[in-house]
Protein backbone atom coordinates (compact mmCIF):
# COMPACT_ATOMS: atom_id res chain seq x y z
CA MET A 1 -0.04 0.07 0.03
CA ALA A 2 2.72 2.39 0.99
CA GLU A 3 4.49 1.70 -2.35
CA ASP A 4 1.29 2.42 -4.26
CA VAL A 5 1.02 5.80 -2.57
CA VAL A 6 4.60 6.69 -3.63
CA THR A 7 3.92 5.74 -7.17
CA ILE A 8 0.79 7.59 -7.30
CA GLN A 9 2.64 10.82 -5.95
CA ARG A 10 5.34 10.33 -8.52
CA THR A 11 2.79 10.05 -11.27
CA LYS A 12 0.98 13.05 -10.08
CA LEU A 13 4.22 14.90 -9.89
CA SER A 14 4.97 14.01 -13.61
CA LEU A 15 1.49 15.33 -14.58
CA ILE A 16 2.20 18.52 -12.74
CA ASN A 17 5.66 18.96 -14.43
CA ALA A 18 3.95 18.14 -17.89
CA SER A 19 1.30 20.99 -17.07
CA ARG A 20 4.15 23.29 -16.12
CA SER A 21 5.98 22.60 -19.51
CA MET A 22 2.74 23.34 -21.29
CA SER A 23 2.56 26.69 -19.50
CA LEU A 24 6.10 27.60 -20.66
CA MET A 25 5.32 26.56 -24.11
CA LEU A 26 2.29 28.77 -24.18
CA ASP A 27 4.32 31.66 -22.73
CA LYS A 28 6.79 31.14 -25.58
CA LEU A 29 4.31 30.79 -28.27
CA ARG A 30 2.39 33.89 -27.18
CA SER A 31 5.79 35.85 -27.07
CA ILE A 32 6.66 34.68 -30.66
CA ASP A 33 3.20 35.38 -31.99
CA ALA A 34 3.09 38.90 -30.70
CA THR A 35 6.72 39.75 -31.68
CA GLU A 36 6.96 37.96 -34.98
CA MET A 37 3.47 39.00 -36.14
CA ALA A 38 4.44 42.62 -35.59
CA ASN A 39 7.60 42.15 -37.67
CA ILE A 40 5.58 40.47 -40.38
CA ARG A 41 2.88 43.41 -40.44
CA ASN A 42 5.73 45.69 -40.80
CA ASN A 43 7.12 43.83 -43.78
CA VAL A 44 3.79 43.63 -45.52
CA LYS A 45 3.40 47.38 -44.91
CA ASN A 46 6.59 47.96 -46.57
CA ILE A 47 5.69 45.88 -49.51
CA ASP A 48 2.48 47.70 -49.87
CA ILE A 49 4.25 51.11 -49.68
CA GLU A 50 6.89 50.11 -52.09
CA SER A 51 4.52 48.59 -54.65
CA GLY A 52 3.03 52.05 -55.11
CA ALA A 53 6.31 53.07 -56.67
CA ILE A 54 6.74 50.13 -59.08
CA GLU A 55 5.79 50.44 -62.71
CA ASN A 56 6.96 47.01 -63.83
CA ASP A 57 3.88 44.99 -64.59
CA LYS A 58 5.52 41.60 -63.86
CA ALA A 59 6.66 42.70 -60.50
CA LEU A 60 3.12 44.22 -59.62
CA GLU A 61 1.62 40.83 -60.72
CA LEU A 62 3.98 38.97 -58.42
CA ILE A 63 3.05 41.11 -55.69
CA GLN A 64 -0.58 40.48 -56.17
CA GLU A 65 0.12 36.86 -56.25
CA ILE A 66 1.80 36.94 -53.02
CA ARG A 67 -1.30 38.78 -51.56
CA ASP A 68 -3.67 36.33 -53.04
CA VAL A 69 -2.10 33.33 -51.57
CA ASP A 70 -1.80 34.95 -48.24
CA VAL A 71 1.69 33.74 -47.44
CA PHE A 72 1.88 36.32 -44.47
CA ASN A 73 -1.05 34.60 -42.56
CA PHE A 74 0.68 32.71 -39.70
CA ASP A 75 -1.57 33.91 -37.11
CA GLN A 76 -4.10 31.10 -37.30
CA ASP A 77 -1.75 28.24 -37.07
CA VAL A 78 -0.17 29.63 -33.79
CA ALA A 79 -3.43 30.45 -32.38
CA GLU A 80 -4.81 27.00 -33.11
CA LEU A 81 -1.66 25.56 -31.48
CA ILE A 82 -2.23 27.67 -28.53
CA GLU A 83 -5.84 26.57 -28.12
CA ASN A 84 -4.79 22.80 -28.45
CA ILE A 85 -2.26 23.21 -25.72
CA GLU A 86 -4.72 25.06 -23.44
CA SER A 87 -7.19 22.35 -23.78
CA SER A 88 -4.83 19.59 -23.24
CA GLN A 89 -3.50 21.39 -20.17
CA ALA A 90 -7.22 21.72 -18.90
CA THR A 91 -7.71 17.97 -19.52
CA LEU A 92 -4.21 17.36 -17.59
CA ASP A 93 -5.35 19.49 -14.65
CA ASN A 94 -8.44 17.31 -14.33
CA TYR A 95 -6.24 14.04 -14.20
CA ILE A 96 -4.04 16.09 -11.58
CA SER A 97 -7.18 16.72 -9.39
CA ALA A 98 -8.18 13.05 -9.63
CA PHE A 99 -4.68 11.88 -8.50
CA LYS A 100 -4.82 14.33 -5.73
CA ARG A 101 -7.92 12.64 -4.41
CA LEU A 102 -6.27 9.36 -4.49
CA VAL A 103 -3.73 10.05 -1.76
């Protein structure tokens, strides 16, 4: 019985450590998201400003193609990943609570 309690405690601690790691991942993703998205917005703004001075039709077509394929839209992927981690973390928290009730 005592060994069972120790094993349960170790499992609970592993779950808590996993939850903390997820929190760290979320913090890093949010930081990357905010900083990098600001950089990308500035780059897109520069492209828009510079395209006003371009007279070459081929270059203008290429710029329009870039806009059409939305190569600068990274926001959704990061946001979705953050949501998945938050959901996993909430589930993990439920298991941590269940383990706490066991000992």
